[in-house]
C-alpha atoms as a PDB file:
ATOM      1  CA  MET A   1      85.294 212.767  53.230  1.00  0.00           C
ATOM      2  CA  THR A   2      87.210 211.041  50.568  1.00  0.00           C
ATOM      3  CA  ASN A   3      88.278 207.460  50.723  1.00  0.00           C
ATOM      4  CA  GLN A   4      91.842 208.480  51.247  1.00  0.00           C
ATOM      5  CA  GLY A   5      90.827 210.523  54.279  1.00  0.00           C
ATOM      6  CA  LYS A   6      88.973 207.545  55.764  1.00  0.00           C
ATOM      7  CA  LEU A   7      92.048 205.348  55.454  1.00  0.00           C
ATOM      8  CA  LEU A   8      94.188 207.884  57.245  1.00  0.00           C
ATOM      9  CA  VAL A   9      91.768 208.164  60.128  1.00  0.00           C
ATOM     10  CA  GLY A  10      91.631 204.325  60.528  1.00  0.00           C
ATOM     11  CA  PHE A  11      95.399 204.068  60.514  1.00  0.00           C
ATOM     12  CA  ALA A  12      95.637 206.716  63.224  1.00  0.00           C
ATOM     13  CA  VAL A  13      93.178 204.830  65.454  1.00  0.00           C
ATOM     14  CA  LEU A  14      95.160 201.558  65.051  1.00  0.00           C
ATOM     15  CA  CYS A  15      98.367 203.279  66.106  1.00  0.00           C
ATOM     16  CA  VAL A  16      96.731 204.612  69.259  1.00  0.00           C
ATOM     17  CA  VAL A  17      95.548 201.109  70.223  1.00  0.00           C
ATOM     18  CA  LEU A  18      98.981 199.593  69.710  1.00  0.00           C
ATOM     19  CA  CYS A  19     100.721 202.233  71.771  1.00  0.00           C
ATOM     20  CA  THR A  20      98.280 201.769  74.635  1.00  0.00           C
ATOM     21  CA  ALA A  21      98.867 198.011  74.671  1.00  0.00           C
ATOM     22  CA  LEU A  22     102.643 198.468  74.737  1.00  0.00           C
ATOM     23  CA  ALA A  23     102.396 200.892  77.636  1.00  0.00           C
ATOM     24  CA  ILE A  24     100.344 198.456  79.747  1.00  0.00           C
ATOM     25  CA  SER A  25     102.765 195.619  79.014  1.00  0.00           C
ATOM     26  CA  GLY A  26     105.727 197.747  80.131  1.00  0.00           C
ATOM     27  CA  CYS A  27     104.114 198.475  83.454  1.00  0.00           C
ATOM     28  CA  THR A  28     103.567 194.795  84.366  1.00  0.00           C
ATOM     29  CA  ASN A  29     106.729 193.181  83.031  1.00  0.00           C
ATOM     30  CA  THR A  30     109.893 193.518  85.207  1.00  0.00           C
ATOM     31  CA  GLY A  31     112.068 192.461  82.342  1.00  0.00           C
ATOM     32  CA  THR A  32     113.424 189.401  84.229  1.00  0.00           C
ATOM     33  CA  THR A  33     111.775 185.985  84.127  1.00  0.00           C
ATOM     34  CA  SER A  34     112.516 183.613  87.081  1.00  0.00           C
ATOM     35  CA  ALA A  35     111.105 180.252  88.158  1.00  0.00           C
ATOM     36  CA  PRO A  36     108.766 180.399  91.132  1.00  0.00           C
ATOM     37  CA  ALA A  37     110.398 179.464  94.431  1.00  0.00           C
ATOM     38  CA  THR A  38     109.578 175.981  95.744  1.00  0.00           C
ATOM     39  CA  THR A  39     109.216 175.501  99.473  1.00  0.00           C
ATOM     40  CA  THR A  40     108.783 172.188 101.398  1.00  0.00           C
ATOM     41  CA  ALA A  41     106.529 172.410 104.384  1.00  0.00           C
ATOM     42  CA  THR A  42     107.988 170.844 107.521  1.00  0.00           C
ATOM     43  CA  PRO A  43     105.329 169.457 109.764  1.00  0.00           C
ATOM     44  CA  ALA A  44     105.198 170.618 113.315  1.00  0.00           C
ATOM     45  CA  PRO A  45     106.784 168.245 115.808  1.00  0.00           C
ATOM     46  CA  SER A  46     103.365 167.090 116.949  1.00  0.00           C
ATOM     47  CA  GLN A  47     102.435 166.297 113.353  1.00  0.00           C
ATOM     48  CA  GLN A  48     105.559 164.291 112.432  1.00  0.00           C
ATOM     49  CA  VAL A  49     104.873 160.570 111.745  1.00  0.00           C
ATOM     50  CA  THR A  50     106.787 158.054 113.861  1.00  0.00           C
ATOM     51  CA  PRO A  51     107.292 154.611 112.257  1.00  0.00           C
ATOM     52  CA  ALA A  52     105.224 151.887 113.965  1.00  0.00           C
ATOM     53  CA  ALA A  53     107.183 149.650 116.329  1.00  0.00           C
ATOM     54  CA  THR A  54     107.595 146.027 115.159  1.00  0.00           C
ATOM     55  CA  THR A  55     106.161 143.485 117.629  1.00  0.00           C
ATOM     56  CA  PRO A  56     108.195 140.258 117.666  1.00  0.00           C
ATOM     57  CA  ALA A  57     106.247 137.045 116.942  1.00  0.00           C
ATOM     58  CA  PRO A  58     105.425 135.092 120.102  1.00  0.00           C
ATOM     59  CA  VAL A  59     107.726 132.162 120.787  1.00  0.00           C
ATOM     60  CA  LYS A  60     105.844 128.875 120.852  1.00  0.00           C
ATOM     61  CA  PRO A  61     106.699 126.558 123.737  1.00  0.00           C
ATOM     62  CA  THR A  62     108.582 123.466 122.772  1.00  0.00           C
ATOM     63  CA  GLU A  63     106.154 120.549 122.577  1.00  0.00           C
ATOM     64  CA  ALA A  64     107.141 117.025 123.503  1.00  0.00           C
ATOM     65  CA  PRO A  65     107.082 114.651 120.544  1.00  0.00           C
ATOM     66  CA  ALA A  66     103.985 112.489 120.234  1.00  0.00           C
ATOM     67  CA  LYS A  67     104.332 108.959 121.605  1.00  0.00           C
ATOM     68  CA  THR A  68     102.508 105.748 120.821  1.00  0.00           C
ATOM     69  CA  LEU A  69     102.748 102.918 123.327  1.00  0.00           C
ATOM     70  CA  ILE A  70     102.056  99.402 122.093  1.00  0.00           C
ATOM     71  CA  ALA A  71     100.295  97.177 124.615  1.00  0.00           C
ATOM     72  CA  PHE A  72      99.993  93.450 123.918  1.00  0.00           C
ATOM     73  CA  THR A  73      96.709  92.796 125.692  1.00  0.00           C
ATOM     74  CA  ALA A  74      94.563  89.747 126.436  1.00  0.00           C
ATOM     75  CA  ALA A  75      91.537  89.743 124.127  1.00  0.00           C
ATOM     76  CA  SER A  76      89.088  89.643 127.032  1.00  0.00           C
ATOM     77  CA  LEU A  77      89.999  93.282 127.779  1.00  0.00           C
ATOM     78  CA  LYS A  78      88.670  94.442 124.406  1.00  0.00           C
ATOM     79  CA  GLY A  79      85.721  96.355 125.866  1.00  0.00           C
ATOM     80  CA  ALA A  80      87.764  97.976 128.619  1.00  0.00           C
ATOM     81  CA  SER A  81      90.593  98.928 126.238  1.00  0.00           C
ATOM     82  CA  ASP A  82      88.216 101.135 124.232  1.00  0.00           C
ATOM     83  CA  LYS A  83      87.851 103.335 127.321  1.00  0.00           C
ATOM     84  CA  ILE A  84      91.341 102.910 128.782  1.00  0.00           C
ATOM     85  CA  GLY A  85      93.087 104.347 125.709  1.00  0.00           C
ATOM     86  CA  PRO A  86      91.260 107.710 125.578  1.00  0.00           C
ATOM     87  CA  ALA A  87      91.330 108.041 129.381  1.00  0.00           C
ATOM     88  CA  TYR A  88      95.107 107.617 129.451  1.00  0.00           C
ATOM     89  CA  THR A  89      95.655 110.092 126.612  1.00  0.00           C
ATOM     90  CA  ASN A  90      93.483 112.585 128.491  1.00  0.00           C
ATOM     91  CA  VAL A  91      95.785 112.532 131.531  1.00  0.00           C
ATOM     92  CA  THR A  92      98.964 112.171 129.451  1.00  0.00           C
ATOM     93  CA  PRO A  93      98.555 114.505 126.453  1.00  0.00           C
ATOM     94  CA  GLY A  94     100.620 113.555 123.444  1.00  0.00           C
ATOM     95  CA  THR A  95     100.714 109.850 124.299  1.00  0.00           C
ATOM     96  CA  THR A  96      98.374 107.305 122.778  1.00  0.00           C
ATOM     97  CA  VAL A  97      98.063 103.582 123.411  1.00  0.00           C
ATOM     98  CA  LYS A  98      97.725 101.056 120.617  1.00  0.00           C
ATOM     99  CA  PHE A  99      96.302  97.742 121.820  1.00  0.00           C
ATOM    100  CA  ASN A 100      97.223  94.476 120.144  1.00  0.00           C
ATOM    101  CA  LEU A 101      94.371  92.265 121.351  1.00  0.00           C
ATOM    102  CA  ASP A 102      94.550  88.496 121.059  1.00  0.00           C
ATOM    103  CA  GLY A 103      94.654  85.313 123.087  1.00  0.00           C
ATOM    104  CA  THR A 104      97.488  85.485 125.612  1.00  0.00           C
ATOM    105  CA  GLN A 105      99.053  82.356 124.140  1.00  0.00           C
ATOM    106  CA  VAL A 106      99.220  84.104 120.746  1.00  0.00           C
ATOM    107  CA  LEU A 107     100.685  87.283 122.239  1.00  0.00           C
ATOM    108  CA  LYS A 108     103.344  85.226 123.999  1.00  0.00           C
ATOM    109  CA  GLN A 109     104.350  83.603 120.724  1.00  0.00           C
ATOM    110  CA  GLN A 110     104.515  86.983 118.999  1.00  0.00           C
ATOM    111  CA  VAL A 111     106.893  88.286 121.666  1.00  0.00           C
ATOM    112  CA  GLU A 112     109.054  85.175 121.391  1.00  0.00           C
ATOM    113  CA  ASN A 113     109.135  85.607 117.608  1.00  0.00           C
ATOM    114  CA  GLY A 114     110.560  89.110 117.908  1.00  0.00           C
ATOM    115  CA  ALA A 115     107.502  91.380 117.922  1.00  0.00           C
ATOM    116  CA  LYS A 116     108.273  94.783 119.476  1.00  0.00           C
ATOM    117  CA  ALA A 117     105.986  96.171 122.151  1.00  0.00           C
ATOM    118  CA  ASP A 118     106.083  98.201 125.358  1.00  0.00           C
ATOM    119  CA  VAL A 119     103.622  96.549 127.728  1.00  0.00           C
ATOM    120  CA  PHE A 120     102.299  93.003 128.168  1.00  0.00           C
ATOM    121  CA  ILE A 121      98.899  92.411 129.784  1.00  0.00           C
ATOM    122  CA  SER A 122      98.239  88.707 130.293  1.00  0.00           C
ATOM    123  CA  ALA A 123      95.189  86.716 131.309  1.00  0.00           C
ATOM    124  CA  SER A 124      97.418  83.878 132.473  1.00  0.00           C
ATOM    125  CA  ASN A 125     100.234  83.760 135.001  1.00  0.00           C
ATOM    126  CA  THR A 126     101.556  80.704 133.170  1.00  0.00           C
ATOM    127  CA  TYR A 127     102.467  82.686 130.059  1.00  0.00           C
ATOM    128  CA  THR A 128     103.703  85.644 132.086  1.00  0.00           C
ATOM    129  CA  ASN A 129     106.032  83.414 134.090  1.00  0.00           C
ATOM    130  CA  THR A 130     107.333  81.823 130.904  1.00  0.00           C
ATOM    131  CA  LEU A 131     108.208  85.198 129.384  1.00  0.00           C
ATOM    132  CA  LYS A 132     109.872  86.233 132.648  1.00  0.00           C
ATOM    133  CA  SER A 133     112.041  83.135 132.670  1.00  0.00           C
ATOM    134  CA  GLU A 134     112.968  83.717 129.038  1.00  0.00           C
ATOM    135  CA  GLY A 135     114.051  87.279 129.749  1.00  0.00           C
ATOM    136  CA  TYR A 136     111.394  89.091 127.696  1.00  0.00           C
ATOM    137  CA  LEU A 137     109.933  91.003 130.642  1.00  0.00           C
ATOM    138  CA  LEU A 138     111.532  93.453 133.046  1.00  0.00           C
ATOM    139  CA  ASN A 139     110.801  91.233 136.029  1.00  0.00           C
ATOM    140  CA  GLU A 140     110.594  94.019 138.606  1.00  0.00           C
ATOM    141  CA  THR A 141     107.728  95.595 136.642  1.00  0.00           C
ATOM    142  CA  VAL A 142     105.468  92.518 136.566  1.00  0.00           C
ATOM    143  CA  LYS A 143     102.483  93.032 138.884  1.00  0.00           C
ATOM    144  CA  PRO A 144      98.954  91.650 139.416  1.00  0.00           C
ATOM    145  CA  LEU A 145      96.420  93.826 137.594  1.00  0.00           C
ATOM    146  CA  THR A 146      92.894  92.484 138.003  1.00  0.00           C
ATOM    147  CA  SER A 147      90.884  89.260 138.198  1.00  0.00           C
ATOM    148  CA  ASN A 148      87.932  87.502 136.584  1.00  0.00           C
ATOM    149  CA  TYR A 149      85.595  84.585 137.229  1.00  0.00           C
ATOM    150  CA  ILE A 150      84.231  82.069 134.731  1.00  0.00           C
ATOM    151  CA  ILE A 151      80.482  82.029 134.032  1.00  0.00           C
ATOM    152  CA  VAL A 152      78.150  80.341 131.548  1.00  0.00           C
ATOM    153  CA  ILE A 153      76.180  82.490 129.122  1.00  0.00           C
ATOM    154  CA  ILE A 154      73.244  81.580 126.886  1.00  0.00           C
ATOM    155  CA  PRO A 155      71.397  83.594 124.189  1.00  0.00           C
ATOM    156  CA  ALA A 156      68.421  85.569 125.454  1.00  0.00           C
ATOM    157  CA  SER A 157      66.166  83.399 123.270  1.00  0.00           C
ATOM    158  CA  ASN A 158      67.546  80.298 125.055  1.00  0.00           C
ATOM    159  CA  PRO A 159      67.291  77.904 122.085  1.00  0.00           C
ATOM    160  CA  GLY A 160      68.738  74.999 124.110  1.00  0.00           C
ATOM    161  CA  ASN A 161      66.293  75.450 126.991  1.00  0.00           C
ATOM    162  CA  ILE A 162      69.161  75.638 129.492  1.00  0.00           C
ATOM    163  CA  THR A 163      68.235  76.859 132.941  1.00  0.00           C
ATOM    164  CA  SER A 164      71.015  75.465 135.122  1.00  0.00           C
ATOM    165  CA  LEU A 165      74.533  74.069 135.067  1.00  0.00           C
ATOM    166  CA  ALA A 166      73.034  70.580 135.238  1.00  0.00           C
ATOM    167  CA  ASP A 167      71.511  71.059 131.775  1.00  0.00           C
ATOM    168  CA  LEU A 168      74.993  71.339 130.253  1.00  0.00           C
ATOM    169  CA  GLY A 169      75.398  67.609 130.917  1.00  0.00           C
ATOM    170  CA  LYS A 170      72.272  66.636 128.984  1.00  0.00           C
ATOM    171  CA  ALA A 171      72.761  65.147 125.532  1.00  0.00           C
ATOM    172  CA  GLY A 172      71.972  67.285 122.504  1.00  0.00           C
ATOM    173  CA  LYS A 173      73.115  70.662 123.809  1.00  0.00           C
ATOM    174  CA  LYS A 174      75.583  72.764 121.781  1.00  0.00           C
ATOM    175  CA  ILE A 175      78.397  74.331 123.806  1.00  0.00           C
ATOM    176  CA  ALA A 176      81.373  76.605 122.982  1.00  0.00           C
ATOM    177  CA  MET A 177      84.527  76.981 125.078  1.00  0.00           C
ATOM    178  CA  GLY A 178      88.128  78.078 124.736  1.00  0.00           C
ATOM    179  CA  THR A 179      90.865  75.767 123.487  1.00  0.00           C
ATOM    180  CA  PRO A 180      93.028  74.054 126.135  1.00  0.00           C
ATOM    181  CA  ASP A 181      95.894  76.530 125.634  1.00  0.00           C
ATOM    182  CA  VAL A 182      93.955  79.809 125.867  1.00  0.00           C
ATOM    183  CA  PRO A 183      93.549  81.144 129.453  1.00  0.00           C
ATOM    184  CA  VAL A 184      89.745  81.129 129.382  1.00  0.00           C
ATOM    185  CA  GLY A 185      89.897  77.507 128.199  1.00  0.00           C
ATOM    186  CA  VAL A 186      92.271  76.537 130.993  1.00  0.00           C
ATOM    187  CA  ASN A 187      90.062  78.113 133.650  1.00  0.00           C
ATOM    188  CA  THR A 188      86.913  76.642 132.108  1.00  0.00           C
ATOM    189  CA  ARG A 189      88.333  73.132 132.416  1.00  0.00           C
ATOM    190  CA  GLN A 190      89.398  73.748 136.004  1.00  0.00           C
ATOM    191  CA  SER A 191      85.883  74.910 136.897  1.00  0.00           C
ATOM    192  CA  ILE A 192      84.253  71.956 135.123  1.00  0.00           C
ATOM    193  CA  ALA A 193      86.568  69.563 136.953  1.00  0.00           C
ATOM    194  CA  LYS A 194      85.588  71.059 140.315  1.00  0.00           C
ATOM    195  CA  LEU A 195      81.888  70.820 139.444  1.00  0.00           C
ATOM    196  CA  ALA A 196      82.254  67.211 138.277  1.00  0.00           C
ATOM    197  CA  ASN A 197      84.069  66.227 141.471  1.00  0.00           C
ATOM    198  CA  GLY A 198      81.580  67.906 143.757  1.00  0.00           C
ATOM    199  CA  THR A 199      78.134  69.045 142.642  1.00  0.00           C
ATOM    200  CA  PHE A 200      77.850  66.629 139.683  1.00  0.00           C
ATOM    201  CA  ASP A 201      79.690  63.506 138.539  1.00  0.00           C
ATOM    202  CA  SER A 202      81.863  62.026 135.805  1.00  0.00           C
ATOM    203  CA  ALA A 203      78.854  61.210 133.597  1.00  0.00           C
ATOM    204  CA  TRP A 204      77.867  64.883 133.612  1.00  0.00           C
ATOM    205  CA  ASN A 205      81.468  65.784 132.750  1.00  0.00           C
ATOM    206  CA  THR A 206      81.651  63.293 129.869  1.00  0.00           C
ATOM    207  CA  THR A 207      78.361  64.361 128.288  1.00  0.00           C
ATOM    208  CA  LEU A 208      79.240  68.041 128.651  1.00  0.00           C
ATOM    209  CA  PHE A 209      82.422  67.638 126.606  1.00  0.00           C
ATOM    210  CA  LYS A 210      80.526  65.580 123.996  1.00  0.00           C
ATOM    211  CA  ASN A 211      78.228  68.603 123.653  1.00  0.00           C
ATOM    212  CA  VAL A 212      81.108  70.954 122.786  1.00  0.00           C
ATOM    213  CA  VAL A 213      80.777  71.882 119.096  1.00  0.00           C
ATOM    214  CA  SER A 214      83.129  74.864 118.993  1.00  0.00           C
ATOM    215  CA  TYR A 215      86.582  75.418 120.495  1.00  0.00           C
ATOM    216  CA  GLU A 216      87.699  79.048 120.235  1.00  0.00           C
ATOM    217  CA  THR A 217      91.234  80.481 120.463  1.00  0.00           C
ATOM    218  CA  THR A 218      90.014  83.682 122.153  1.00  0.00           C
ATOM    219  CA  GLU A 219      87.404  84.433 124.794  1.00  0.00           C
ATOM    220  CA  PRO A 220      85.600  86.960 122.536  1.00  0.00           C
ATOM    221  CA  GLY A 221      85.302  84.129 120.025  1.00  0.00           C
ATOM    222  CA  VAL A 222      83.111  82.216 122.483  1.00  0.00           C
ATOM    223  CA  MET A 223      81.077  85.380 123.090  1.00  0.00           C
ATOM    224  CA  THR A 224      80.464  85.729 119.350  1.00  0.00           C
ATOM    225  CA  LYS A 225      79.253  82.141 118.961  1.00  0.00           C
ATOM    226  CA  VAL A 226      76.723  82.591 121.750  1.00  0.00           C
ATOM    227  CA  SER A 227      75.640  86.085 120.673  1.00  0.00           C
ATOM    228  CA  LEU A 228      74.903  84.857 117.145  1.00  0.00           C
ATOM    229  CA  GLY A 229      72.914  81.907 118.481  1.00  0.00           C
ATOM    230  CA  GLU A 230      75.258  79.379 116.886  1.00  0.00           C
ATOM    231  CA  VAL A 231      75.506  77.512 120.193  1.00  0.00           C
ATOM    232  CA  ASP A 232      73.233  77.049 123.179  1.00  0.00           C
ATOM    233  CA  ALA A 233      75.799  78.036 125.812  1.00  0.00           C
ATOM    234  CA  GLY A 234      79.389  79.133 126.285  1.00  0.00           C
ATOM    235  CA  PHE A 235      81.995  79.516 129.015  1.00  0.00           C
ATOM    236  CA  VAL A 236      83.312  83.099 129.206  1.00  0.00           C
ATOM    237  CA  TYR A 237      84.604  85.630 131.718  1.00  0.00           C
ATOM    238  CA  GLU A 238      82.199  87.453 133.985  1.00  0.00           C
ATOM    239  CA  SER A 239      83.516  90.773 132.641  1.00  0.00           C
ATOM    240  CA  SER A 240      82.446  89.972 129.075  1.00  0.00           C
ATOM    241  CA  TYR A 241      78.901  89.248 130.141  1.00  0.00           C
ATOM    242  CA  LYS A 242      78.692  92.511 132.093  1.00  0.00           C
ATOM    243  CA  ALA A 243      80.035  94.442 129.110  1.00  0.00           C
ATOM    244  CA  ALA A 244      77.461  92.928 126.721  1.00  0.00           C
ATOM    245  CA  LYS A 245      74.382  94.839 125.644  1.00  0.00           C
ATOM    246  CA  ASN A 246      71.557  94.496 128.133  1.00  0.00           C
ATOM    247  CA  GLY A 247      68.968  91.896 127.260  1.00  0.00           C
ATOM    248  CA  THR A 248      71.082  89.993 124.748  1.00  0.00           C
ATOM    249  CA  LEU A 249      72.453  87.289 127.045  1.00  0.00           C
ATOM    250  CA  ILE A 250      71.496  85.309 130.129  1.00  0.00           C
ATOM    251  CA  ALA A 251      74.151  84.357 132.693  1.00  0.00           C
ATOM    252  CA  ILE A 252      74.345  81.222 134.800  1.00  0.00           C
ATOM    253  CA  PRO A 253      76.949  81.767 137.536  1.00  0.00           C
ATOM    254  CA  ILE A 254      79.384  79.142 138.729  1.00  0.00           C
ATOM    255  CA  PRO A 255      79.680  79.023 142.544  1.00  0.00           C
ATOM    256  CA  VAL A 256      82.883  80.546 143.886  1.00  0.00           C
ATOM    257  CA  LYS A 257      83.888  77.238 145.520  1.00  0.00           C
ATOM    258  CA  ASP A 258      83.833  75.584 142.092  1.00  0.00           C
ATOM    259  CA  ASN A 259      85.128  78.520 140.130  1.00  0.00           C
ATOM    260  CA  SER A 260      88.641  79.271 138.931  1.00  0.00           C
ATOM    261  CA  LEU A 261      89.591  82.890 139.523  1.00  0.00           C
ATOM    262  CA  GLN A 262      91.737  84.213 136.696  1.00  0.00           C
ATOM    263  CA  THR A 263      94.436  86.706 137.692  1.00  0.00           C
ATOM    264  CA  TYR A 264      95.650  89.165 135.064  1.00  0.00           C
ATOM    265  CA  THR A 265      99.159  90.601 135.198  1.00  0.00           C
ATOM    266  CA  ILE A 266     100.860  93.603 133.635  1.00  0.00           C
ATOM    267  CA  GLY A 267     104.542  94.173 132.944  1.00  0.00           C
ATOM    268  CA  VAL A 268     106.980  96.137 130.799  1.00  0.00           C
ATOM    269  CA  LEU A 269     108.684  94.281 127.960  1.00  0.00           C
ATOM    270  CA  ASN A 270     112.424  94.619 127.456  1.00  0.00           C
ATOM    271  CA  THR A 271     111.746  95.616 123.839  1.00  0.00           C
ATOM    272  CA  THR A 272     110.161  98.891 124.935  1.00  0.00           C
ATOM    273  CA  SER A 273     111.530 101.994 123.267  1.00  0.00           C
ATOM    274  CA  ASP A 274     110.582 104.155 126.254  1.00  0.00           C
ATOM    275  CA  LYS A 275     110.719 102.450 129.647  1.00  0.00           C
ATOM    276  CA  ASP A 276     109.585 105.557 131.544  1.00  0.00           C
ATOM    277  CA  ALA A 277     106.506 105.962 129.354  1.00  0.00           C
ATOM    278  CA  ALA A 278     105.685 102.262 129.657  1.00  0.00           C
ATOM    279  CA  LEU A 279     105.962 102.437 133.456  1.00  0.00           C
ATOM    280  CA  LYS A 280     103.742 105.512 133.487  1.00  0.00           C
ATOM    281  CA  PHE A 281     101.049 103.575 131.613  1.00  0.00           C
ATOM    282  CA  GLU A 282     101.401 100.619 133.989  1.00  0.00           C
ATOM    283  CA  ASN A 283     100.994 102.954 136.967  1.00  0.00           C
ATOM    284  CA  PHE A 284      97.853 104.374 135.370  1.00  0.00           C
ATOM    285  CA  MET A 285      96.392 100.887 135.017  1.00  0.00           C
ATOM    286  CA  LEU A 286      97.123 100.207 138.696  1.00  0.00           C
ATOM    287  CA  SER A 287      95.794 103.597 139.824  1.00  0.00           C
ATOM    288  CA  ALA A 288      92.304 104.236 141.165  1.00  0.00           C
ATOM    289  CA  GLN A 289      91.190 105.564 137.772  1.00  0.00           C
ATOM    290  CA  GLY A 290      92.481 102.562 135.854  1.00  0.00           C
ATOM    291  CA  GLN A 291      91.018 100.114 138.341  1.00  0.00           C
ATOM    292  CA  GLN A 292      87.649 101.871 138.186  1.00  0.00           C
ATOM    293  CA  ILE A 293      87.524 101.463 134.418  1.00  0.00           C
ATOM    294  CA  LEU A 294      88.235  97.758 134.814  1.00  0.00           C
ATOM    295  CA  ALA A 295      85.524  97.511 137.485  1.00  0.00           C
ATOM    296  CA  ASP A 296      83.052  99.256 135.170  1.00  0.00           C
ATOM    297  CA  PHE A 297      83.615  96.418 132.701  1.00  0.00           C
ATOM    298  CA  GLY A 298      83.066  93.647 135.244  1.00  0.00           C
ATOM    299  CA  PHE A 299      86.622  92.935 136.341  1.00  0.00           C
ATOM    300  CA  ARG A 300      87.322  92.341 139.994  1.00  0.00           C
ATOM    301  CA  PRO A 301      90.059  93.679 142.268  1.00  0.00           C
ATOM    302  CA  ILE A 302      92.960  91.336 142.954  1.00  0.00           C
ATOM    303  CA  SER A 303      91.723  90.814 146.526  1.00  0.00           C
ATOM    304  CA  SER A 304      88.387  89.320 145.343  1.00  0.00           C
END
C-alpha cells in the first residue's frame, strides 16, 4: 500500500472515533444545565434543640453592718477581757468589742475630756459616782458587775524572804503598790490601815510605807514589778494572782476582816453611738456566761 493509501485509512479511523464520542455525549446531555436543588433538613420534633432556661442568681440576705463597741475598762480586767471579747462576738456575730484598758482614774479623765465610748467598767464606785453626777453615764444602766479582794504577792524565788504579812513591816524590804488615786491603791491603803489597827501596830504601818519603792498608776503595773523581781512584794487584786502563770508567784492572803472588797460597776456612757448594742453587751457581762468568765479569772460574785 502506498503512503497515500495509509493516510486515507488513518483519517477514516479518526472520523469513526469522533462520531462515536459525539453520539455518547448526545445521549447523556439533556441540553439544559440547572443548579442542583438545595434542601434544608428539618429535625424531627424530638430532635429540635430547646434553649436552656436561665437560672436567676440567688439573692443574698441583707447582712447587718459590722459594729465595734468601745469599752473603757479597768486595767485589772486585762486577762478576762481577752476572753470576754471573742465570747461576746461568738454570741453576737458582727459585733466586736474594743477594750481601752487603763487605771479607772485615767479612764474617768478621758471621758471628762471628751473621749467617745459606749461602756464604762470601773474598779471604783467613787469614779463611777462622779461620772454619774456629771451626767456622763446613763444612770439607769449603772449596775454592780463583780468584786475583788486585795492580796500580797511575792516572786516565786522570794528574794526578800517574806513569809507573812508581818515581814512587810521589817526594814529593808522592797514593796510596790498602787498610787493613792488608783482603785487598787485606795483599797490597799484601807487594808493596811485595818491591819495596823488590829493585827499589827503603827510601827509596822510606818516601816511598811518606808519600804515602798514603787508606786504604780495601774494594778498590772504592780504585777509587772513583782513578776520581774524588781520588788520583794506587791499589793494586787486576787484575780490577777489567779490569772498569772502557775509557779511564777506566791500569794499571801489578807484576812477578810482586814480586807477591802473592791466592787466593780458597769454602765452605758451617754456618748454611745448605739445604746441598744451597748445594753446588749452589758447584759452579756451580767449573764451567767459573762459572770463565769470573770470567775475563771479570779473575780468574785457581788454577793461575796
